[in-house]
């Protein structure tokens, strides 16, 4: 009987260790990201939480120009005003794309800012995680969320960056 109990306890403890060290593990806590404009002033928040595929992003923004804006996850956890170039290019671990789209892109989504400069919307970034894998927004010390001046082109033809928030693992 003692052998059976010991074997069960061993298996349970091994299962817990494997689950804790799983590369895609997430602790499921929402992460609040403070967004700033090019003058370093607060323009709202982005709350990131796990989604069945990817990361859900709930945006509550203010004091932005009305119209359509694109948002992306960028490779570095840096938001140096005024141009936020310190955030680097779109987050794209290993150079892998999803049907030609970098992991940090959010397909078929534009942030629509109302005439009063606000937006309250939720979307999903389908190619990133909140885990410990290479597609995690926390990999390599974190990433950044960028809001562009208008929706549109990416890469070298990308519109100016008007807001930025550092994404880092909660402590």
N, C-alpha and C. Protein backbone atom coordinates (compact mmCIF):
# COMPACT_ATOMS: atom_id res chain seq x y z
N UNK A 1 0.82 -1.19 0.00
CA UNK A 1 0.00 0.00 0.00
C UNK A 1 0.87 1.27 0.00
N UNK A 2 1.93 1.27 0.86
CA UNK A 2 2.82 2.43 0.89
C UNK A 2 3.49 2.64 -0.46
N UNK A 3 3.81 1.57 -1.15
CA UNK A 3 4.43 1.67 -2.47
C UNK A 3 3.48 2.31 -3.47
N UNK A 4 2.21 1.92 -3.42
CA UNK A 4 1.20 2.48 -4.32
C UNK A 4 1.01 3.97 -4.06
N UNK A 5 0.89 4.35 -2.80
CA UNK A 5 0.73 5.76 -2.44
C UNK A 5 1.97 6.55 -2.87
N UNK A 6 3.14 6.00 -2.66
CA UNK A 6 4.38 6.67 -3.07
C UNK A 6 4.45 6.84 -4.57
N UNK A 7 4.04 5.84 -5.31
CA UNK A 7 4.06 5.92 -6.78
C UNK A 7 3.08 6.99 -7.26
N UNK A 8 1.90 7.04 -6.66
CA UNK A 8 0.91 8.05 -7.04
C UNK A 8 1.42 9.45 -6.76
N UNK A 9 2.00 9.66 -5.58
CA UNK A 9 2.55 10.98 -5.24
C UNK A 9 3.68 11.38 -6.19
N UNK A 10 4.52 10.42 -6.55
CA UNK A 10 5.61 10.69 -7.50
C UNK A 10 5.04 11.13 -8.85
N UNK A 11 4.05 10.40 -9.35
CA UNK A 11 3.45 10.75 -10.64
C UNK A 11 2.78 12.12 -10.60
N UNK A 12 2.09 12.41 -9.51
CA UNK A 12 1.45 13.72 -9.39
C UNK A 12 2.48 14.85 -9.37
N UNK A 13 3.56 14.68 -8.62
CA UNK A 13 4.58 15.72 -8.54
C UNK A 13 5.29 15.89 -9.88
N UNK A 14 5.51 14.81 -10.60
CA UNK A 14 6.13 14.88 -11.92
C UNK A 14 5.22 15.62 -12.88
N UNK A 15 3.92 15.36 -12.82
CA UNK A 15 2.96 16.04 -13.69
C UNK A 15 2.96 17.54 -13.43
N UNK A 16 3.02 17.93 -12.17
CA UNK A 16 3.04 19.35 -11.82
C UNK A 16 4.30 20.01 -12.36
N UNK A 17 5.45 19.36 -12.22
CA UNK A 17 6.69 19.93 -12.73
C UNK A 17 6.66 20.08 -14.25
N UNK A 18 6.14 19.08 -14.95
CA UNK A 18 6.05 19.16 -16.40
C UNK A 18 5.13 20.31 -16.80
N UNK A 19 3.99 20.45 -16.14
CA UNK A 19 3.06 21.53 -16.46
C UNK A 19 3.69 22.89 -16.21
N UNK A 20 4.47 23.02 -15.11
CA UNK A 20 5.08 24.30 -14.80
C UNK A 20 6.16 24.68 -15.79
N UNK A 21 6.81 23.71 -16.42
CA UNK A 21 7.90 23.98 -17.34
C UNK A 21 7.48 23.90 -18.80
N UNK A 22 6.20 23.79 -19.06
CA UNK A 22 5.71 23.73 -20.42
C UNK A 22 6.02 25.04 -21.14
N UNK A 23 6.57 24.99 -22.38
CA UNK A 23 6.98 26.21 -23.05
C UNK A 23 5.84 27.16 -23.38
N UNK A 24 4.63 26.68 -23.55
CA UNK A 24 3.53 27.56 -23.91
C UNK A 24 2.70 27.94 -22.70
N UNK A 25 3.17 27.65 -21.51
CA UNK A 25 2.41 27.89 -20.29
C UNK A 25 2.17 29.38 -20.09
N UNK A 26 0.99 29.69 -19.65
CA UNK A 26 0.62 31.06 -19.32
C UNK A 26 -0.02 31.05 -17.94
N UNK A 27 0.20 32.09 -17.17
CA UNK A 27 -0.42 32.11 -15.85
C UNK A 27 -1.82 32.71 -15.90
N UNK A 28 -2.28 33.09 -17.08
CA UNK A 28 -3.63 33.58 -17.32
C UNK A 28 -3.96 34.91 -16.66
N UNK A 29 -3.00 35.59 -16.09
CA UNK A 29 -3.27 36.91 -15.52
C UNK A 29 -3.27 37.95 -16.64
N UNK A 30 -4.27 38.83 -16.65
CA UNK A 30 -4.25 39.92 -17.63
C UNK A 30 -3.04 40.83 -17.39
N UNK A 31 -2.54 41.40 -18.44
CA UNK A 31 -1.41 42.32 -18.39
C UNK A 31 -1.89 43.67 -18.89
N UNK A 32 -1.77 44.69 -18.06
CA UNK A 32 -2.17 46.04 -18.45
C UNK A 32 -0.95 46.80 -18.96
N UNK A 33 -1.08 47.34 -20.16
CA UNK A 33 -0.02 48.09 -20.81
C UNK A 33 -0.45 49.54 -20.90
N UNK A 34 0.38 50.44 -20.38
CA UNK A 34 0.08 51.88 -20.44
C UNK A 34 0.59 52.42 -21.78
N UNK A 35 -0.28 53.11 -22.50
CA UNK A 35 0.06 53.67 -23.80
C UNK A 35 0.38 55.15 -23.67
N UNK A 36 1.45 55.58 -24.33
CA UNK A 36 1.84 56.99 -24.32
C UNK A 36 1.91 57.52 -25.74
N UNK A 37 1.77 58.84 -25.87
CA UNK A 37 1.92 59.48 -27.17
C UNK A 37 3.35 60.00 -27.34
N UNK A 38 3.60 60.70 -28.44
CA UNK A 38 4.96 61.16 -28.74
C UNK A 38 5.48 62.21 -27.77
N UNK A 39 4.59 62.80 -26.95
CA UNK A 39 5.02 63.73 -25.91
C UNK A 39 5.18 63.04 -24.55
N UNK A 40 4.98 61.72 -24.51
CA UNK A 40 5.11 60.96 -23.28
C UNK A 40 3.88 61.00 -22.40
N UNK A 41 2.77 61.53 -22.92
CA UNK A 41 1.53 61.64 -22.14
C UNK A 41 0.69 60.37 -22.32
N UNK A 42 -0.06 60.03 -21.29
CA UNK A 42 -0.92 58.86 -21.34
C UNK A 42 -2.05 59.05 -22.36
N UNK A 43 -2.24 58.01 -23.18
CA UNK A 43 -3.36 58.02 -24.13
C UNK A 43 -4.22 56.77 -23.95
N UNK A 44 -4.05 56.09 -22.81
CA UNK A 44 -4.91 54.95 -22.54
C UNK A 44 -4.17 53.69 -22.17
N UNK A 45 -4.90 52.57 -22.31
CA UNK A 45 -4.33 51.27 -21.93
C UNK A 45 -4.72 50.21 -22.95
N UNK A 46 -3.93 49.15 -22.92
CA UNK A 46 -4.24 47.92 -23.63
C UNK A 46 -4.13 46.81 -22.59
N UNK A 47 -5.18 46.03 -22.44
CA UNK A 47 -5.16 44.91 -21.49
C UNK A 47 -5.05 43.63 -22.30
N UNK A 48 -3.98 42.88 -22.07
CA UNK A 48 -3.73 41.65 -22.78
C UNK A 48 -4.12 40.46 -21.90
N UNK A 49 -4.81 39.50 -22.49
CA UNK A 49 -5.20 38.29 -21.77
C UNK A 49 -5.22 37.14 -22.76
N UNK A 50 -5.11 35.90 -22.25
CA UNK A 50 -5.10 34.75 -23.16
C UNK A 50 -6.41 34.62 -23.92
N UNK A 51 -6.31 34.16 -25.15
CA UNK A 51 -7.47 33.84 -25.98
C UNK A 51 -7.29 32.40 -26.46
N UNK A 52 -8.33 31.74 -26.90
CA UNK A 52 -8.18 30.36 -27.38
C UNK A 52 -7.10 30.22 -28.45
N UNK A 53 -6.99 31.22 -29.32
CA UNK A 53 -5.88 31.28 -30.28
C UNK A 53 -5.29 32.67 -30.22
N UNK A 54 -4.16 32.81 -29.57
CA UNK A 54 -3.49 34.09 -29.50
C UNK A 54 -3.73 34.85 -28.21
N UNK A 55 -3.68 36.17 -28.33
CA UNK A 55 -3.80 37.06 -27.18
C UNK A 55 -4.91 38.08 -27.46
N UNK A 56 -5.85 38.17 -26.53
CA UNK A 56 -6.92 39.17 -26.63
C UNK A 56 -6.35 40.51 -26.17
N UNK A 57 -6.64 41.55 -26.92
CA UNK A 57 -6.19 42.90 -26.60
C UNK A 57 -7.41 43.80 -26.48
N UNK A 58 -7.63 44.32 -25.27
CA UNK A 58 -8.73 45.26 -25.03
C UNK A 58 -8.12 46.65 -24.97
N UNK A 59 -8.48 47.48 -25.94
CA UNK A 59 -7.93 48.84 -26.03
C UNK A 59 -8.93 49.86 -25.53
N UNK A 60 -8.46 50.74 -24.66
CA UNK A 60 -9.22 51.90 -24.20
C UNK A 60 -8.29 53.09 -24.40
N UNK A 61 -8.55 53.86 -25.47
CA UNK A 61 -7.65 54.96 -25.81
C UNK A 61 -8.39 56.29 -25.83
N UNK A 62 -7.62 57.34 -25.67
CA UNK A 62 -8.16 58.71 -25.66
C UNK A 62 -7.13 59.63 -26.29
N UNK A 63 -7.60 60.79 -26.70
CA UNK A 63 -6.72 61.85 -27.24
C UNK A 63 -5.91 61.42 -28.45
N UNK A 64 -6.50 60.58 -29.29
CA UNK A 64 -5.86 60.21 -30.56
C UNK A 64 -6.63 60.87 -31.70
N UNK A 65 -6.00 60.97 -32.85
CA UNK A 65 -6.68 61.56 -34.00
C UNK A 65 -7.77 60.61 -34.49
N UNK A 66 -8.94 61.17 -34.84
CA UNK A 66 -10.04 60.33 -35.33
C UNK A 66 -9.65 59.60 -36.61
N UNK A 67 -10.27 58.45 -36.81
CA UNK A 67 -10.05 57.70 -38.04
C UNK A 67 -9.52 56.30 -37.78
N UNK A 68 -9.03 55.69 -38.86
CA UNK A 68 -8.51 54.32 -38.80
C UNK A 68 -7.02 54.31 -38.50
N UNK A 69 -6.63 53.45 -37.58
CA UNK A 69 -5.23 53.28 -37.19
C UNK A 69 -4.90 51.79 -37.20
N UNK A 70 -3.68 51.46 -37.54
CA UNK A 70 -3.26 50.06 -37.41
C UNK A 70 -2.50 49.91 -36.10
N UNK A 71 -2.56 48.70 -35.54
CA UNK A 71 -1.78 48.39 -34.34
C UNK A 71 -1.01 47.12 -34.61
N UNK A 72 0.17 47.04 -34.00
CA UNK A 72 1.02 45.87 -34.15
C UNK A 72 1.80 45.64 -32.86
N UNK A 73 2.28 44.42 -32.71
CA UNK A 73 3.23 44.10 -31.65
C UNK A 73 4.62 44.24 -32.27
N UNK A 74 5.48 45.03 -31.62
CA UNK A 74 6.83 45.24 -32.13
C UNK A 74 7.86 44.53 -31.26
N UNK A 75 9.05 44.33 -31.79
CA UNK A 75 10.01 43.39 -31.23
C UNK A 75 10.71 43.78 -29.92
N UNK A 76 10.78 45.04 -29.56
CA UNK A 76 11.51 45.43 -28.36
C UNK A 76 10.61 46.11 -27.33
N UNK A 77 10.89 45.89 -26.07
CA UNK A 77 10.13 46.49 -24.97
C UNK A 77 10.66 47.89 -24.68
N UNK A 78 10.58 48.75 -25.69
CA UNK A 78 11.07 50.11 -25.58
C UNK A 78 10.10 51.06 -26.28
N UNK A 79 9.85 52.19 -25.67
CA UNK A 79 8.96 53.20 -26.24
C UNK A 79 9.56 54.58 -26.06
N UNK A 80 10.63 54.86 -26.76
CA UNK A 80 11.29 56.15 -26.64
C UNK A 80 10.62 57.16 -27.57
N UNK A 81 9.96 58.21 -26.99
CA UNK A 81 9.36 59.25 -27.82
C UNK A 81 10.47 60.03 -28.52
N UNK A 82 10.21 60.74 -29.58
CA UNK A 82 8.87 60.97 -30.09
C UNK A 82 8.42 59.97 -31.16
N UNK A 83 9.34 59.20 -31.76
CA UNK A 83 8.94 58.38 -32.91
C UNK A 83 8.77 56.89 -32.61
N UNK A 84 9.15 56.46 -31.40
CA UNK A 84 9.01 55.07 -30.95
C UNK A 84 9.76 54.06 -31.84
N UNK A 85 10.75 54.53 -32.58
CA UNK A 85 11.56 53.62 -33.41
C UNK A 85 12.31 52.62 -32.55
N UNK A 86 12.50 52.95 -31.27
CA UNK A 86 13.20 52.05 -30.35
C UNK A 86 12.47 50.72 -30.18
N UNK A 87 11.19 50.66 -30.54
CA UNK A 87 10.41 49.42 -30.43
C UNK A 87 10.78 48.44 -31.54
N UNK A 88 11.56 48.89 -32.52
CA UNK A 88 12.00 48.00 -33.59
C UNK A 88 10.90 47.70 -34.59
N UNK A 89 11.15 46.65 -35.35
CA UNK A 89 10.21 46.21 -36.39
C UNK A 89 9.10 45.37 -35.78
N UNK A 90 8.22 44.89 -36.62
CA UNK A 90 7.16 44.01 -36.13
C UNK A 90 7.76 42.76 -35.49
N UNK A 91 7.17 42.33 -34.40
CA UNK A 91 7.60 41.13 -33.70
C UNK A 91 7.46 39.95 -34.66
N UNK A 92 8.55 39.26 -34.90
CA UNK A 92 8.55 38.16 -35.86
C UNK A 92 9.62 37.14 -35.48
N UNK A 93 9.39 36.39 -34.39
CA UNK A 93 10.41 35.46 -33.90
C UNK A 93 10.82 34.44 -34.96
N UNK A 94 12.11 34.33 -35.15
CA UNK A 94 12.65 33.35 -36.09
C UNK A 94 12.38 33.68 -37.55
N UNK A 95 11.83 34.85 -37.83
CA UNK A 95 11.54 35.22 -39.20
C UNK A 95 10.40 34.44 -39.83
N UNK A 96 9.64 33.71 -39.00
CA UNK A 96 8.53 32.91 -39.52
C UNK A 96 7.31 33.80 -39.74
N UNK A 97 6.61 33.54 -40.81
CA UNK A 97 5.38 34.27 -41.07
C UNK A 97 4.21 33.30 -41.09
N UNK A 98 3.04 33.83 -40.91
CA UNK A 98 1.79 33.07 -40.96
C UNK A 98 1.06 33.56 -42.20
N UNK A 99 1.18 32.79 -43.28
CA UNK A 99 0.61 33.20 -44.58
C UNK A 99 1.17 34.55 -44.99
N UNK A 100 2.47 34.75 -44.75
CA UNK A 100 3.13 35.99 -45.13
C UNK A 100 3.01 37.11 -44.13
N UNK A 101 2.37 36.84 -42.98
CA UNK A 101 2.13 37.86 -41.97
C UNK A 101 3.04 37.62 -40.76
N UNK A 102 3.82 38.62 -40.32
CA UNK A 102 4.64 38.44 -39.11
C UNK A 102 3.76 38.20 -37.88
N UNK A 103 4.31 37.54 -36.88
CA UNK A 103 3.57 37.20 -35.67
C UNK A 103 2.95 38.43 -35.00
N UNK A 104 3.60 39.57 -35.08
CA UNK A 104 3.11 40.78 -34.42
C UNK A 104 1.98 41.49 -35.14
N UNK A 105 1.63 41.03 -36.33
CA UNK A 105 0.53 41.65 -37.06
C UNK A 105 -0.82 41.16 -36.54
N UNK A 106 -1.81 42.00 -36.70
CA UNK A 106 -3.18 41.65 -36.31
C UNK A 106 -4.02 41.76 -37.58
N UNK A 107 -4.20 40.63 -38.27
CA UNK A 107 -4.89 40.67 -39.57
C UNK A 107 -6.33 41.16 -39.46
N UNK A 108 -6.76 41.81 -40.51
CA UNK A 108 -8.16 42.24 -40.66
C UNK A 108 -8.66 43.08 -39.49
N UNK A 109 -7.80 43.94 -38.96
CA UNK A 109 -8.22 44.81 -37.86
C UNK A 109 -7.65 46.20 -38.05
N UNK A 110 -8.50 47.19 -37.87
CA UNK A 110 -8.08 48.59 -37.78
C UNK A 110 -8.74 49.18 -36.55
N UNK A 111 -7.96 49.92 -35.80
CA UNK A 111 -8.49 50.63 -34.65
C UNK A 111 -9.26 51.83 -35.17
N UNK A 112 -10.54 51.91 -34.83
CA UNK A 112 -11.39 53.02 -35.28
C UNK A 112 -11.53 53.98 -34.11
N UNK A 113 -10.94 55.16 -34.25
CA UNK A 113 -11.01 56.20 -33.21
C UNK A 113 -12.12 57.16 -33.60
N UNK A 114 -13.03 57.41 -32.66
CA UNK A 114 -14.19 58.27 -32.91
C UNK A 114 -13.79 59.74 -33.01
N UNK A 115 -14.75 60.56 -33.38
CA UNK A 115 -14.51 62.00 -33.55
C UNK A 115 -14.02 62.66 -32.26
N UNK A 116 -14.37 62.10 -31.10
CA UNK A 116 -13.91 62.69 -29.84
C UNK A 116 -12.54 62.15 -29.40
N UNK A 117 -11.88 61.37 -30.27
CA UNK A 117 -10.52 60.90 -29.99
C UNK A 117 -10.43 59.65 -29.13
N UNK A 118 -11.55 58.97 -28.93
CA UNK A 118 -11.54 57.78 -28.08
C UNK A 118 -11.89 56.52 -28.88
N UNK A 119 -11.50 55.39 -28.32
CA UNK A 119 -11.89 54.08 -28.87
C UNK A 119 -11.87 53.08 -27.73
N UNK A 120 -12.84 52.21 -27.75
CA UNK A 120 -12.95 51.13 -26.76
C UNK A 120 -13.30 49.88 -27.55
N UNK A 121 -12.31 49.04 -27.77
CA UNK A 121 -12.49 47.89 -28.66
C UNK A 121 -11.62 46.73 -28.19
N UNK A 122 -12.03 45.54 -28.58
CA UNK A 122 -11.26 44.34 -28.29
C UNK A 122 -10.97 43.61 -29.58
N UNK A 123 -9.75 43.10 -29.72
CA UNK A 123 -9.35 42.30 -30.87
C UNK A 123 -8.46 41.17 -30.39
N UNK A 124 -8.04 40.32 -31.31
CA UNK A 124 -7.15 39.21 -30.96
C UNK A 124 -5.93 39.26 -31.88
N UNK A 125 -4.76 39.17 -31.26
CA UNK A 125 -3.51 38.99 -32.00
C UNK A 125 -3.30 37.48 -32.09
N UNK A 126 -3.61 36.87 -33.23
CA UNK A 126 -3.68 35.41 -33.29
C UNK A 126 -2.35 34.67 -33.29
N UNK A 127 -1.25 35.36 -33.54
CA UNK A 127 0.03 34.66 -33.72
C UNK A 127 1.01 34.85 -32.57
N UNK A 128 0.55 35.41 -31.45
CA UNK A 128 1.41 35.59 -30.28
C UNK A 128 0.76 34.91 -29.08
N UNK A 129 1.55 34.75 -28.00
CA UNK A 129 1.05 34.12 -26.78
C UNK A 129 1.50 34.93 -25.57
N UNK A 130 0.98 34.54 -24.41
CA UNK A 130 1.45 35.09 -23.13
C UNK A 130 2.24 34.03 -22.38
N UNK A 131 2.74 33.05 -23.08
CA UNK A 131 3.44 31.93 -22.46
C UNK A 131 4.93 32.13 -22.34
N UNK A 132 5.64 31.02 -22.43
CA UNK A 132 7.10 31.02 -22.34
C UNK A 132 7.76 30.57 -23.64
N UNK A 133 6.98 30.48 -24.71
CA UNK A 133 7.50 30.01 -26.00
C UNK A 133 8.08 31.17 -26.80
N UNK A 134 8.60 30.87 -28.00
CA UNK A 134 9.23 31.93 -28.80
C UNK A 134 8.24 32.93 -29.38
N UNK A 135 6.95 32.62 -29.39
CA UNK A 135 5.94 33.56 -29.87
C UNK A 135 5.32 34.38 -28.73
N UNK A 136 5.88 34.25 -27.54
CA UNK A 136 5.38 34.99 -26.39
C UNK A 136 5.75 36.46 -26.50
N UNK A 137 4.80 37.33 -26.14
CA UNK A 137 5.09 38.76 -26.12
C UNK A 137 6.11 39.10 -25.03
N UNK A 138 6.41 38.14 -24.16
CA UNK A 138 7.40 38.35 -23.11
C UNK A 138 8.79 37.84 -23.49
N UNK A 139 8.93 37.18 -24.65
CA UNK A 139 10.22 36.62 -25.03
C UNK A 139 11.25 37.74 -25.22
N UNK A 140 12.48 37.42 -24.96
CA UNK A 140 13.60 38.36 -25.11
C UNK A 140 13.41 39.65 -24.34
N UNK A 141 12.77 39.58 -23.18
CA UNK A 141 12.62 40.75 -22.33
C UNK A 141 11.38 41.57 -22.58
N UNK A 142 10.52 41.15 -23.48
CA UNK A 142 9.26 41.85 -23.73
C UNK A 142 9.19 42.44 -25.12
N UNK A 143 8.05 43.03 -25.41
CA UNK A 143 7.77 43.62 -26.71
C UNK A 143 7.06 44.96 -26.49
N UNK A 144 6.52 45.53 -27.54
CA UNK A 144 5.76 46.78 -27.42
C UNK A 144 4.56 46.73 -28.34
N UNK A 145 3.51 47.41 -27.94
CA UNK A 145 2.36 47.58 -28.82
C UNK A 145 2.44 48.99 -29.38
N UNK A 146 2.28 49.08 -30.69
CA UNK A 146 2.39 50.37 -31.39
C UNK A 146 1.06 50.69 -32.07
N UNK A 147 0.64 51.94 -31.97
CA UNK A 147 -0.50 52.44 -32.74
C UNK A 147 0.08 53.38 -33.79
N UNK A 148 -0.28 53.12 -35.05
CA UNK A 148 0.20 53.94 -36.16
C UNK A 148 -0.81 55.05 -36.47
N UNK A 149 -0.32 56.12 -37.10
CA UNK A 149 -1.14 57.30 -37.40
C UNK A 149 -2.35 56.97 -38.25
N UNK A 150 -2.20 56.06 -39.18
CA UNK A 150 -3.30 55.62 -40.03
C UNK A 150 -3.17 54.12 -40.25
N UNK A 151 -4.22 53.51 -40.75
CA UNK A 151 -4.15 52.11 -41.13
C UNK A 151 -3.46 52.03 -42.48
N UNK A 152 -2.75 50.96 -42.70
CA UNK A 152 -2.16 50.84 -44.03
C UNK A 152 -0.88 50.06 -44.07
N UNK A 153 0.02 50.53 -44.89
CA UNK A 153 1.24 49.81 -45.24
C UNK A 153 2.06 49.43 -44.02
N UNK A 154 2.87 48.40 -44.20
CA UNK A 154 3.79 47.95 -43.16
C UNK A 154 5.21 48.02 -43.71
N UNK A 155 6.17 47.67 -42.87
CA UNK A 155 7.56 47.69 -43.29
C UNK A 155 8.07 49.10 -43.43
N UNK A 156 8.89 49.34 -44.45
CA UNK A 156 9.50 50.67 -44.62
C UNK A 156 8.46 51.72 -44.99
N UNK A 157 7.29 51.30 -45.51
CA UNK A 157 6.25 52.26 -45.87
C UNK A 157 5.22 52.44 -44.78
N UNK A 158 5.52 51.98 -43.56
CA UNK A 158 4.55 52.06 -42.47
C UNK A 158 4.30 53.51 -42.07
N UNK A 159 3.05 53.81 -41.71
CA UNK A 159 2.72 55.16 -41.24
C UNK A 159 3.45 55.47 -39.93
N UNK A 160 3.56 56.76 -39.58
CA UNK A 160 4.23 57.14 -38.33
C UNK A 160 3.60 56.46 -37.12
N UNK A 161 4.42 56.27 -36.11
CA UNK A 161 3.99 55.66 -34.85
C UNK A 161 3.53 56.78 -33.92
N UNK A 162 2.28 56.71 -33.46
CA UNK A 162 1.75 57.82 -32.64
C UNK A 162 1.54 57.45 -31.18
N UNK A 163 1.58 56.15 -30.87
CA UNK A 163 1.44 55.73 -29.48
C UNK A 163 2.16 54.42 -29.29
N UNK A 164 2.61 54.19 -28.05
CA UNK A 164 3.40 53.01 -27.76
C UNK A 164 3.20 52.59 -26.31
N UNK A 165 3.28 51.30 -26.08
CA UNK A 165 3.22 50.76 -24.72
C UNK A 165 4.12 49.56 -24.59
N UNK A 166 4.89 49.50 -23.52
CA UNK A 166 5.80 48.38 -23.26
C UNK A 166 5.02 47.21 -22.70
N UNK A 167 5.23 46.05 -23.29
CA UNK A 167 4.61 44.80 -22.82
C UNK A 167 5.69 44.03 -22.06
N UNK A 168 5.49 43.87 -20.76
CA UNK A 168 6.46 43.10 -19.97
C UNK A 168 5.72 42.16 -19.03
N UNK A 169 6.41 41.10 -18.67
CA UNK A 169 5.81 40.08 -17.81
C UNK A 169 5.48 40.69 -16.45
N UNK A 170 4.27 40.45 -15.94
CA UNK A 170 3.94 40.97 -14.60
C UNK A 170 4.82 40.34 -13.53
N UNK A 171 5.10 41.09 -12.51
CA UNK A 171 5.95 40.56 -11.43
C UNK A 171 5.14 40.13 -10.24
